[in-house]
Structures are given as structure tokens and as C-alpha cells.
Amino acid sequence: MKIDSSMIERVSSLARLSLTEQEKEEFTRQLSDIVSYVEKINELDTGGIEPADHIVPMRNVFRADSTGTSIEREEIERIAPDFDRGHIIVPPAIEGNE
């Protein structure tokens, strides 16, 4: 794919960017270099390679869902900075919601 100044102008127009002529030339050169580098992938022989969605074989990586004992309420009351009627009281995380 050849990147030319008309493509740069179209994309900059869609993005509502005003570019100088020098910036247009620079972006044209840079994007052309990037596209030509990526096109080198087409030179690889991938005939015997199976398509994959991940390069590392993965199985279920989640731990088993099991129940266990919880911390006693008295212990939570003891370690919580502020505790009221079964709830841990924390400072507001978003300003204006005091």
C-alpha cells in the first residue's frame, strides 16, 4: 500500500487536524516506512503454520470456585478504621459526594 499526501490530507480532515506542508510530508514518509516494514510479513512462508488466537497454549487459568471461612465480624470491626451498623465507613472516593 502506498501512502501519499492525499491520504494524509483526508485523514487529517476527518480528524479535524490542520497540518502544515512540512508535517504532511513528514507523516507521509513515516507512515510509508511503517507500512512497508509491516508488509514484509507477506514475504514469510506461513503455509505449514496453524492459525492461532494465542501464541501460548492456554487452558482454564482460573482457580476453582470454592467456599471458605470468612473473617469474623468482630475482627472486621477491630481492624476497620470506622465501622457502623455492619458497614465499613471509608472516605468518599469521588469529590462532591460527601
PDB file of N, CA and C in Angstrom:
ATOM      1  N   MET A   1       0.847  -1.174   0.000  1.00  0.00           N
ATOM      2  CA  MET A   1       0.000   0.000   0.000  1.00  0.00           C
ATOM      3  C   MET A   1       0.894   1.239   0.000  1.00  0.00           C
ATOM      4  N   LYS A   2       0.579   2.131  -0.864  1.00  0.00           N
ATOM      5  CA  LYS A   2       1.341   3.372  -0.993  1.00  0.00           C
ATOM      6  C   LYS A   2       0.606   4.486  -0.250  1.00  0.00           C
ATOM      7  N   ILE A   3       1.294   5.116   0.666  1.00  0.00           N
ATOM      8  CA  ILE A   3       0.744   6.254   1.392  1.00  0.00           C
ATOM      9  C   ILE A   3       1.174   7.517   0.655  1.00  0.00           C
ATOM     10  N   ASP A   4       0.207   8.344   0.278  1.00  0.00           N
ATOM     11  CA  ASP A   4       0.544   9.599  -0.382  1.00  0.00           C
ATOM     12  C   ASP A   4      -0.075  10.764   0.372  1.00  0.00           C
ATOM     13  N   SER A   5       0.233  11.957  -0.055  1.00  0.00           N
ATOM     14  CA  SER A   5      -0.216  13.153   0.654  1.00  0.00           C
ATOM     15  C   SER A   5      -1.732  13.293   0.651  1.00  0.00           C
ATOM     16  N   SER A   6      -2.400  12.766  -0.378  1.00  0.00           N
ATOM     17  CA  SER A   6      -3.864  12.863  -0.404  1.00  0.00           C
ATOM     18  C   SER A   6      -4.488  12.042   0.726  1.00  0.00           C
ATOM     19  N   MET A   7      -3.884  10.896   1.049  1.00  0.00           N
ATOM     20  CA  MET A   7      -4.375  10.094   2.174  1.00  0.00           C
ATOM     21  C   MET A   7      -4.176  10.842   3.486  1.00  0.00           C
ATOM     22  N   ILE A   8      -3.022  11.458   3.637  1.00  0.00           N
ATOM     23  CA  ILE A   8      -2.731  12.225   4.853  1.00  0.00           C
ATOM     24  C   ILE A   8      -3.720  13.386   4.977  1.00  0.00           C
ATOM     25  N   GLU A   9      -3.977  14.067   3.882  1.00  0.00           N
ATOM     26  CA  GLU A   9      -4.924  15.187   3.905  1.00  0.00           C
ATOM     27  C   GLU A   9      -6.328  14.709   4.260  1.00  0.00           C
ATOM     28  N   ARG A  10      -6.726  13.570   3.719  1.00  0.00           N
ATOM     29  CA  ARG A  10      -8.066  13.045   4.014  1.00  0.00           C
ATOM     30  C   ARG A  10      -8.198  12.680   5.487  1.00  0.00           C
ATOM     31  N   VAL A  11      -7.209  11.977   6.023  1.00  0.00           N
ATOM     32  CA  VAL A  11      -7.260  11.571   7.429  1.00  0.00           C
ATOM     33  C   VAL A  11      -7.200  12.792   8.345  1.00  0.00           C
ATOM     34  N   SER A  12      -6.346  13.747   8.015  1.00  0.00           N
ATOM     35  CA  SER A  12      -6.259  14.949   8.855  1.00  0.00           C
ATOM     36  C   SER A  12      -7.561  15.739   8.799  1.00  0.00           C
ATOM     37  N   SER A  13      -8.221  15.735   7.648  1.00  0.00           N
ATOM     38  CA  SER A  13      -9.504  16.411   7.526  1.00  0.00           C
ATOM     39  C   SER A  13     -10.559  15.714   8.376  1.00  0.00           C
ATOM     40  N   LEU A  14     -10.599  14.378   8.314  1.00  0.00           N
ATOM     41  CA  LEU A  14     -11.563  13.624   9.119  1.00  0.00           C
ATOM     42  C   LEU A  14     -11.315  13.825  10.616  1.00  0.00           C
ATOM     43  N   ALA A  15     -10.049  13.957  10.986  1.00  0.00           N
ATOM     44  CA  ALA A  15      -9.694  14.153  12.392  1.00  0.00           C
ATOM     45  C   ALA A  15      -9.725  15.627  12.783  1.00  0.00           C
ATOM     46  N   ARG A  16     -10.067  16.481  11.825  1.00  0.00           N
ATOM     47  CA  ARG A  16     -10.112  17.931  12.037  1.00  0.00           C
ATOM     48  C   ARG A  16      -8.778  18.471  12.557  1.00  0.00           C
ATOM     49  N   LEU A  17      -7.709  18.010  11.901  1.00  0.00           N
ATOM     50  CA  LEU A  17      -6.367  18.483  12.213  1.00  0.00           C
ATOM     51  C   LEU A  17      -5.892  19.377  11.081  1.00  0.00           C
ATOM     52  N   SER A  18      -5.287  20.465  11.432  1.00  0.00           N
ATOM     53  CA  SER A  18      -4.680  21.292  10.382  1.00  0.00           C
ATOM     54  C   SER A  18      -3.173  21.060  10.432  1.00  0.00           C
ATOM     55  N   LEU A  19      -2.659  20.534   9.333  1.00  0.00           N
ATOM     56  CA  LEU A  19      -1.244  20.205   9.243  1.00  0.00           C
ATOM     57  C   LEU A  19      -0.547  21.144   8.282  1.00  0.00           C
ATOM     58  N   THR A  20       0.685  21.456   8.611  1.00  0.00           N
ATOM     59  CA  THR A  20       1.492  22.245   7.685  1.00  0.00           C
ATOM     60  C   THR A  20       1.976  21.317   6.576  1.00  0.00           C
ATOM     61  N   GLU A  21       2.482  21.916   5.500  1.00  0.00           N
ATOM     62  CA  GLU A  21       3.017  21.104   4.400  1.00  0.00           C
ATOM     63  C   GLU A  21       4.177  20.240   4.887  1.00  0.00           C
ATOM     64  N   GLN A  22       4.994  20.791   5.768  1.00  0.00           N
ATOM     65  CA  GLN A  22       6.130  20.041   6.305  1.00  0.00           C
ATOM     66  C   GLN A  22       5.631  18.827   7.108  1.00  0.00           C
ATOM     67  N   GLU A  23       4.583  19.002   7.922  1.00  0.00           N
ATOM     68  CA  GLU A  23       4.025  17.898   8.697  1.00  0.00           C
ATOM     69  C   GLU A  23       3.416  16.846   7.777  1.00  0.00           C
ATOM     70  N   LYS A  24       2.735  17.271   6.723  1.00  0.00           N
ATOM     71  CA  LYS A  24       2.151  16.324   5.773  1.00  0.00           C
ATOM     72  C   LYS A  24       3.233  15.472   5.129  1.00  0.00           C
ATOM     73  N   GLU A  25       4.327  16.112   4.715  1.00  0.00           N
ATOM     74  CA  GLU A  25       5.432  15.375   4.101  1.00  0.00           C
ATOM     75  C   GLU A  25       6.063  14.405   5.093  1.00  0.00           C
ATOM     76  N   GLU A  26       6.241  14.870   6.328  1.00  0.00           N
ATOM     77  CA  GLU A  26       6.851  14.020   7.359  1.00  0.00           C
ATOM     78  C   GLU A  26       5.970  12.811   7.674  1.00  0.00           C
ATOM     79  N   PHE A  27       4.655  13.042   7.845  1.00  0.00           N
ATOM     80  CA  PHE A  27       3.748  11.935   8.143  1.00  0.00           C
ATOM     81  C   PHE A  27       3.639  10.980   6.957  1.00  0.00           C
ATOM     82  N   THR A  28       3.658  11.505   5.745  1.00  0.00           N
ATOM     83  CA  THR A  28       3.617  10.648   4.560  1.00  0.00           C
ATOM     84  C   THR A  28       4.823   9.726   4.547  1.00  0.00           C
ATOM     85  N   ARG A  29       5.998  10.280   4.814  1.00  0.00           N
ATOM     86  CA  ARG A  29       7.235   9.490   4.835  1.00  0.00           C
ATOM     87  C   ARG A  29       7.202   8.459   5.962  1.00  0.00           C
ATOM     88  N   GLN A  30       6.818   8.896   7.170  1.00  0.00           N
ATOM     89  CA  GLN A  30       6.815   7.992   8.313  1.00  0.00           C
ATOM     90  C   GLN A  30       5.824   6.845   8.132  1.00  0.00           C
ATOM     91  N   LEU A  31       4.616   7.164   7.698  1.00  0.00           N
ATOM     92  CA  LEU A  31       3.612   6.113   7.519  1.00  0.00           C
ATOM     93  C   LEU A  31       3.972   5.174   6.366  1.00  0.00           C
ATOM     94  N   SER A  32       4.584   5.696   5.321  1.00  0.00           N
ATOM     95  CA  SER A  32       5.042   4.832   4.217  1.00  0.00           C
ATOM     96  C   SER A  32       6.091   3.853   4.717  1.00  0.00           C
ATOM     97  N   ASP A  33       7.010   4.335   5.548  1.00  0.00           N
ATOM     98  CA  ASP A  33       8.040   3.457   6.123  1.00  0.00           C
ATOM     99  C   ASP A  33       7.416   2.374   6.993  1.00  0.00           C
ATOM    100  N   ILE A  34       6.441   2.752   7.802  1.00  0.00           N
ATOM    101  CA  ILE A  34       5.787   1.790   8.691  1.00  0.00           C
ATOM    102  C   ILE A  34       5.053   0.730   7.879  1.00  0.00           C
ATOM    103  N   VAL A  35       4.288   1.154   6.881  1.00  0.00           N
ATOM    104  CA  VAL A  35       3.518   0.204   6.069  1.00  0.00           C
ATOM    105  C   VAL A  35       4.448  -0.728   5.305  1.00  0.00           C
ATOM    106  N   SER A  36       5.523  -0.219   4.748  1.00  0.00           N
ATOM    107  CA  SER A  36       6.443  -1.090   4.006  1.00  0.00           C
ATOM    108  C   SER A  36       7.121  -2.084   4.942  1.00  0.00           C
ATOM    109  N   TYR A  37       7.399  -1.676   6.173  1.00  0.00           N
ATOM    110  CA  TYR A  37       8.008  -2.587   7.144  1.00  0.00           C
ATOM    111  C   TYR A  37       7.024  -3.701   7.503  1.00  0.00           C
ATOM    112  N   VAL A  38       5.773  -3.346   7.737  1.00  0.00           N
ATOM    113  CA  VAL A  38       4.758  -4.343   8.096  1.00  0.00           C
ATOM    114  C   VAL A  38       4.473  -5.269   6.920  1.00  0.00           C
ATOM    115  N   GLU A  39       4.554  -4.772   5.702  1.00  0.00           N
ATOM    116  CA  GLU A  39       4.303  -5.609   4.523  1.00  0.00           C
ATOM    117  C   GLU A  39       5.339  -6.701   4.354  1.00  0.00           C
ATOM    118  N   LYS A  40       6.466  -6.615   5.039  1.00  0.00           N
ATOM    119  CA  LYS A  40       7.477  -7.673   4.983  1.00  0.00           C
ATOM    120  C   LYS A  40       6.922  -8.991   5.508  1.00  0.00           C
ATOM    121  N   ILE A  41       5.881  -8.926   6.327  1.00  0.00           N
ATOM    122  CA  ILE A  41       5.256 -10.141   6.845  1.00  0.00           C
ATOM    123  C   ILE A  41       4.725 -10.989   5.691  1.00  0.00           C
ATOM    124  N   ASN A  42       4.286 -10.341   4.618  1.00  0.00           N
ATOM    125  CA  ASN A  42       3.771 -11.075   3.459  1.00  0.00           C
ATOM    126  C   ASN A  42       4.842 -11.938   2.798  1.00  0.00           C
ATOM    127  N   GLU A  43       6.110 -11.653   3.052  1.00  0.00           N
ATOM    128  CA  GLU A  43       7.197 -12.425   2.458  1.00  0.00           C
ATOM    129  C   GLU A  43       7.427 -13.748   3.189  1.00  0.00           C
ATOM    130  N   LEU A  44       6.857 -13.900   4.386  1.00  0.00           N
ATOM    131  CA  LEU A  44       7.064 -15.122   5.161  1.00  0.00           C
ATOM    132  C   LEU A  44       6.239 -16.271   4.606  1.00  0.00           C
ATOM    133  N   ASP A  45       6.837 -17.471   4.631  1.00  0.00           N
ATOM    134  CA  ASP A  45       6.109 -18.671   4.231  1.00  0.00           C
ATOM    135  C   ASP A  45       5.344 -19.180   5.444  1.00  0.00           C
ATOM    136  N   THR A  46       4.038 -19.007   5.421  1.00  0.00           N
ATOM    137  CA  THR A  46       3.207 -19.427   6.548  1.00  0.00           C
ATOM    138  C   THR A  46       2.328 -20.623   6.174  1.00  0.00           C
ATOM    139  N   GLY A  47       2.719 -21.340   5.143  1.00  0.00           N
ATOM    140  CA  GLY A  47       1.918 -22.456   4.650  1.00  0.00           C
ATOM    141  C   GLY A  47       1.680 -23.553   5.672  1.00  0.00           C
ATOM    142  N   GLY A  48       2.688 -23.917   6.461  1.00  0.00           N
ATOM    143  CA  GLY A  48       2.541 -25.033   7.399  1.00  0.00           C
ATOM    144  C   GLY A  48       2.207 -24.598   8.809  1.00  0.00           C
ATOM    145  N   ILE A  49       1.798 -23.370   8.981  1.00  0.00           N
ATOM    146  CA  ILE A  49       1.526 -22.870  10.329  1.00  0.00           C
ATOM    147  C   ILE A  49       0.023 -22.824  10.562  1.00  0.00           C
ATOM    148  N   GLU A  50      -0.384 -23.431  11.681  1.00  0.00           N
ATOM    149  CA  GLU A  50      -1.799 -23.454  12.043  1.00  0.00           C
ATOM    150  C   GLU A  50      -2.221 -22.066  12.547  1.00  0.00           C
ATOM    151  N   PRO A  51      -3.401 -21.617  12.163  1.00  0.00           N
ATOM    152  CA  PRO A  51      -3.902 -20.361  12.719  1.00  0.00           C
ATOM    153  C   PRO A  51      -4.085 -20.493  14.237  1.00  0.00           C
ATOM    154  N   ALA A  52      -3.798 -19.429  14.947  1.00  0.00           N
ATOM    155  CA  ALA A  52      -3.923 -19.469  16.401  1.00  0.00           C
ATOM    156  C   ALA A  52      -4.460 -18.137  16.908  1.00  0.00           C
ATOM    157  N   ASP A  53      -5.221 -18.211  17.981  1.00  0.00           N
ATOM    158  CA  ASP A  53      -5.690 -16.967  18.584  1.00  0.00           C
ATOM    159  C   ASP A  53      -4.783 -16.542  19.732  1.00  0.00           C
ATOM    160  N   HIS A  54      -3.863 -17.430  20.125  1.00  0.00           N
ATOM    161  CA  HIS A  54      -2.918 -17.098  21.183  1.00  0.00           C
ATOM    162  C   HIS A  54      -1.653 -17.895  20.946  1.00  0.00           C
ATOM    163  N   ILE A  55      -0.493 -17.313  21.214  1.00  0.00           N
ATOM    164  CA  ILE A  55       0.756 -17.998  20.899  1.00  0.00           C
ATOM    165  C   ILE A  55       1.159 -19.014  21.954  1.00  0.00           C
ATOM    166  N   VAL A  56       0.533 -18.943  23.133  1.00  0.00           N
ATOM    167  CA  VAL A  56       0.853 -19.877  24.208  1.00  0.00           C
ATOM    168  C   VAL A  56      -0.372 -20.750  24.457  1.00  0.00           C
ATOM    169  N   PRO A  57      -0.203 -22.071  24.491  1.00  0.00           N
ATOM    170  CA  PRO A  57      -1.367 -22.905  24.759  1.00  0.00           C
ATOM    171  C   PRO A  57      -1.926 -22.593  26.148  1.00  0.00           C
ATOM    172  N   MET A  58      -3.217 -22.298  26.196  1.00  0.00           N
ATOM    173  CA  MET A  58      -3.813 -21.927  27.475  1.00  0.00           C
ATOM    174  C   MET A  58      -5.036 -22.785  27.747  1.00  0.00           C
ATOM    175  N   ARG A  59      -5.211 -23.086  29.006  1.00  0.00           N
ATOM    176  CA  ARG A  59      -6.413 -23.760  29.458  1.00  0.00           C
ATOM    177  C   ARG A  59      -7.071 -22.838  30.463  1.00  0.00           C
ATOM    178  N   ASN A  60      -8.079 -23.323  31.128  1.00  0.00           N
ATOM    179  CA  ASN A  60      -8.745 -22.525  32.136  1.00  0.00           C
ATOM    180  C   ASN A  60      -7.719 -22.131  33.202  1.00  0.00           C
ATOM    181  N   VAL A  61      -7.442 -20.861  33.301  1.00  0.00           N
ATOM    182  CA  VAL A  61      -6.422 -20.385  34.234  1.00  0.00           C
ATOM    183  C   VAL A  61      -7.021 -19.868  35.530  1.00  0.00           C
ATOM    184  N   PHE A  62      -8.314 -20.033  35.692  1.00  0.00           N
ATOM    185  CA  PHE A  62      -8.968 -19.546  36.893  1.00  0.00           C
ATOM    186  C   PHE A  62      -8.899 -20.603  37.993  1.00  0.00           C
ATOM    187  N   ARG A  63      -8.873 -20.152  39.218  1.00  0.00           N
ATOM    188  CA  ARG A  63      -8.864 -21.092  40.342  1.00  0.00           C
ATOM    189  C   ARG A  63     -10.260 -21.680  40.510  1.00  0.00           C
ATOM    190  N   ALA A  64     -10.328 -22.758  41.219  1.00  0.00           N
ATOM    191  CA  ALA A  64     -11.610 -23.391  41.479  1.00  0.00           C
ATOM    192  C   ALA A  64     -12.458 -22.477  42.362  1.00  0.00           C
ATOM    193  N   ASP A  65     -13.737 -22.448  42.103  1.00  0.00           N
ATOM    194  CA  ASP A  65     -14.654 -21.646  42.893  1.00  0.00           C
ATOM    195  C   ASP A  65     -15.074 -22.461  44.102  1.00  0.00           C
ATOM    196  N   SER A  66     -14.555 -22.087  45.262  1.00  0.00           N
ATOM    197  CA  SER A  66     -14.870 -22.860  46.456  1.00  0.00           C
ATOM    198  C   SER A  66     -15.166 -21.914  47.615  1.00  0.00           C
ATOM    199  N   THR A  67     -15.944 -22.416  48.547  1.00  0.00           N
ATOM    200  CA  THR A  67     -16.279 -21.613  49.717  1.00  0.00           C
ATOM    201  C   THR A  67     -15.246 -21.835  50.801  1.00  0.00           C
ATOM    202  N   GLY A  68     -15.150 -20.874  51.683  1.00  0.00           N
ATOM    203  CA  GLY A  68     -14.217 -20.971  52.795  1.00  0.00           C
ATOM    204  C   GLY A  68     -14.734 -20.146  53.953  1.00  0.00           C
ATOM    205  N   THR A  69     -13.994 -20.173  55.021  1.00  0.00           N
ATOM    206  CA  THR A  69     -14.418 -19.392  56.173  1.00  0.00           C
ATOM    207  C   THR A  69     -14.090 -17.926  55.945  1.00  0.00           C
ATOM    208  N   SER A  70     -14.938 -17.083  56.493  1.00  0.00           N
ATOM    209  CA  SER A  70     -14.788 -15.646  56.350  1.00  0.00           C
ATOM    210  C   SER A  70     -14.216 -15.056  57.635  1.00  0.00           C
ATOM    211  N   ILE A  71     -13.801 -13.813  57.559  1.00  0.00           N
ATOM    212  CA  ILE A  71     -13.323 -13.123  58.754  1.00  0.00           C
ATOM    213  C   ILE A  71     -14.534 -12.836  59.647  1.00  0.00           C
ATOM    214  N   GLU A  72     -14.367 -13.041  60.903  1.00  0.00           N
ATOM    215  CA  GLU A  72     -15.449 -12.765  61.853  1.00  0.00           C
ATOM    216  C   GLU A  72     -15.736 -11.270  61.885  1.00  0.00           C
ATOM    217  N   ARG A  73     -17.002 -10.946  62.082  1.00  0.00           N
ATOM    218  CA  ARG A  73     -17.433  -9.544  62.097  1.00  0.00           C
ATOM    219  C   ARG A  73     -16.695  -8.742  63.171  1.00  0.00           C
ATOM    220  N   GLU A  74     -16.471  -9.316  64.310  1.00  0.00           N
ATOM    221  CA  GLU A  74     -15.769  -8.618  65.387  1.00  0.00           C
ATOM    222  C   GLU A  74     -14.344  -8.258  64.962  1.00  0.00           C
ATOM    223  N   GLU A  75     -13.719  -9.142  64.203  1.00  0.00           N
ATOM    224  CA  GLU A  75     -12.357  -8.873  63.717  1.00  0.00           C
ATOM    225  C   GLU A  75     -12.367  -7.719  62.720  1.00  0.00           C
ATOM    226  N   ILE A  76     -13.386  -7.687  61.855  1.00  0.00           N
ATOM    227  CA  ILE A  76     -13.504  -6.588  60.890  1.00  0.00           C
ATOM    228  C   ILE A  76     -13.727  -5.278  61.639  1.00  0.00           C
ATOM    229  N   GLU A  77     -14.600  -5.292  62.637  1.00  0.00           N
ATOM    230  CA  GLU A  77     -14.835  -4.078  63.429  1.00  0.00           C
ATOM    231  C   GLU A  77     -13.550  -3.606  64.089  1.00  0.00           C
ATOM    232  N   ARG A  78     -12.734  -4.537  64.531  1.00  0.00           N
ATOM    233  CA  ARG A  78     -11.489  -4.198  65.222  1.00  0.00           C
ATOM    234  C   ARG A  78     -10.466  -3.565  64.273  1.00  0.00           C
ATOM    235  N   ILE A  79     -10.380  -4.056  63.027  1.00  0.00           N
ATOM    236  CA  ILE A  79      -9.338  -3.568  62.114  1.00  0.00           C
ATOM    237  C   ILE A  79      -9.802  -2.456  61.187  1.00  0.00           C
ATOM    238  N   ALA A  80     -11.108  -2.270  61.046  1.00  0.00           N
ATOM    239  CA  ALA A  80     -11.624  -1.228  60.152  1.00  0.00           C
ATOM    240  C   ALA A  80     -11.403   0.145  60.781  1.00  0.00           C
ATOM    241  N   PRO A  81     -11.050   1.143  59.970  1.00  0.00           N
ATOM    242  CA  PRO A  81     -10.855   2.483  60.526  1.00  0.00           C
ATOM    243  C   PRO A  81     -12.145   3.052  61.109  1.00  0.00           C
ATOM    244  N   ASP A  82     -13.291   2.753  60.498  1.00  0.00           N
ATOM    245  CA  ASP A  82     -14.583   3.214  61.001  1.00  0.00           C
ATOM    246  C   ASP A  82     -15.631   2.182  60.606  1.00  0.00           C
ATOM    247  N   PHE A  83     -16.486   1.834  61.539  1.00  0.00           N
ATOM    248  CA  PHE A  83     -17.452   0.756  61.319  1.00  0.00           C
ATOM    249  C   PHE A  83     -18.777   1.192  61.918  1.00  0.00           C
ATOM    250  N   ASP A  84     -19.883   1.069  61.147  1.00  0.00           N
ATOM    251  CA  ASP A  84     -21.177   1.499  61.647  1.00  0.00           C
ATOM    252  C   ASP A  84     -22.258   0.533  61.166  1.00  0.00           C
ATOM    253  N   ARG A  85     -22.970  -0.086  62.105  1.00  0.00           N
ATOM    254  CA  ARG A  85     -24.094  -0.978  61.823  1.00  0.00           C
ATOM    255  C   ARG A  85     -23.792  -2.007  60.721  1.00  0.00           C
ATOM    256  N   GLY A  86     -22.655  -2.649  60.829  1.00  0.00           N
ATOM    257  CA  GLY A  86     -22.309  -3.706  59.887  1.00  0.00           C
ATOM    258  C   GLY A  86     -21.628  -3.246  58.604  1.00  0.00           C
ATOM    259  N   HIS A  87     -21.293  -1.963  58.519  1.00  0.00           N
ATOM    260  CA  HIS A  87     -20.667  -1.425  57.309  1.00  0.00           C
ATOM    261  C   HIS A  87     -19.339  -0.767  57.641  1.00  0.00           C
ATOM    262  N   ILE A  88     -18.367  -0.963  56.769  1.00  0.00           N
ATOM    263  CA  ILE A  88     -17.088  -0.265  56.900  1.00  0.00           C
ATOM    264  C   ILE A  88     -17.269   1.113  56.284  1.00  0.00           C
ATOM    265  N   ILE A  89     -16.954   2.146  57.029  1.00  0.00           N
ATOM    266  CA  ILE A  89     -17.087   3.525  56.548  1.00  0.00           C
ATOM    267  C   ILE A  89     -15.722   3.961  56.008  1.00  0.00           C
ATOM    268  N   VAL A  90     -15.722   4.420  54.758  1.00  0.00           N
ATOM    269  CA  VAL A  90     -14.492   4.887  54.113  1.00  0.00           C
ATOM    270  C   VAL A  90     -14.694   6.307  53.627  1.00  0.00           C
ATOM    271  N   PRO A  91     -13.615   7.066  53.433  1.00  0.00           N
ATOM    272  CA  PRO A  91     -13.764   8.410  52.894  1.00  0.00           C
ATOM    273  C   PRO A  91     -14.321   8.363  51.473  1.00  0.00           C
ATOM    274  N   PRO A  92     -15.028   9.419  51.044  1.00  0.00           N
ATOM    275  CA  PRO A  92     -15.568   9.427  49.674  1.00  0.00           C
ATOM    276  C   PRO A  92     -14.438   9.325  48.646  1.00  0.00           C
ATOM    277  N   ALA A  93     -14.696   8.547  47.588  1.00  0.00           N
ATOM    278  CA  ALA A  93     -13.710   8.371  46.529  1.00  0.00           C
ATOM    279  C   ALA A  93     -13.864   9.398  45.429  1.00  0.00           C
ATOM    280  N   ILE A  94     -15.059   9.986  45.301  1.00  0.00           N
ATOM    281  CA  ILE A  94     -15.325  10.969  44.252  1.00  0.00           C
ATOM    282  C   ILE A  94     -15.706  12.277  44.941  1.00  0.00           C
ATOM    283  N   GLU A  95     -15.027  13.346  44.542  1.00  0.00           N
ATOM    284  CA  GLU A  95     -15.292  14.634  45.159  1.00  0.00           C
ATOM    285  C   GLU A  95     -16.740  15.064  44.923  1.00  0.00           C
ATOM    286  N   GLY A  96     -17.317  15.759  45.903  1.00  0.00           N
ATOM    287  CA  GLY A  96     -18.667  16.260  45.754  1.00  0.00           C
ATOM    288  C   GLY A  96     -19.720  15.306  46.269  1.00  0.00           C
ATOM    289  N   ASN A  97     -19.324  14.117  46.708  1.00  0.00           N
ATOM    290  CA  ASN A  97     -20.298  13.148  47.222  1.00  0.00           C
ATOM    291  C   ASN A  97     -20.160  12.989  48.717  1.00  0.00           C
ATOM    292  N   GLU A  98     -19.845  14.057  49.442  1.00  0.00           N
ATOM    293  CA  GLU A  98     -19.665  13.957  50.893  1.00  0.00           C
ATOM    294  C   GLU A  98     -20.991  13.816  51.575  1.00  0.00           C
TER     295      GLU A  98
END
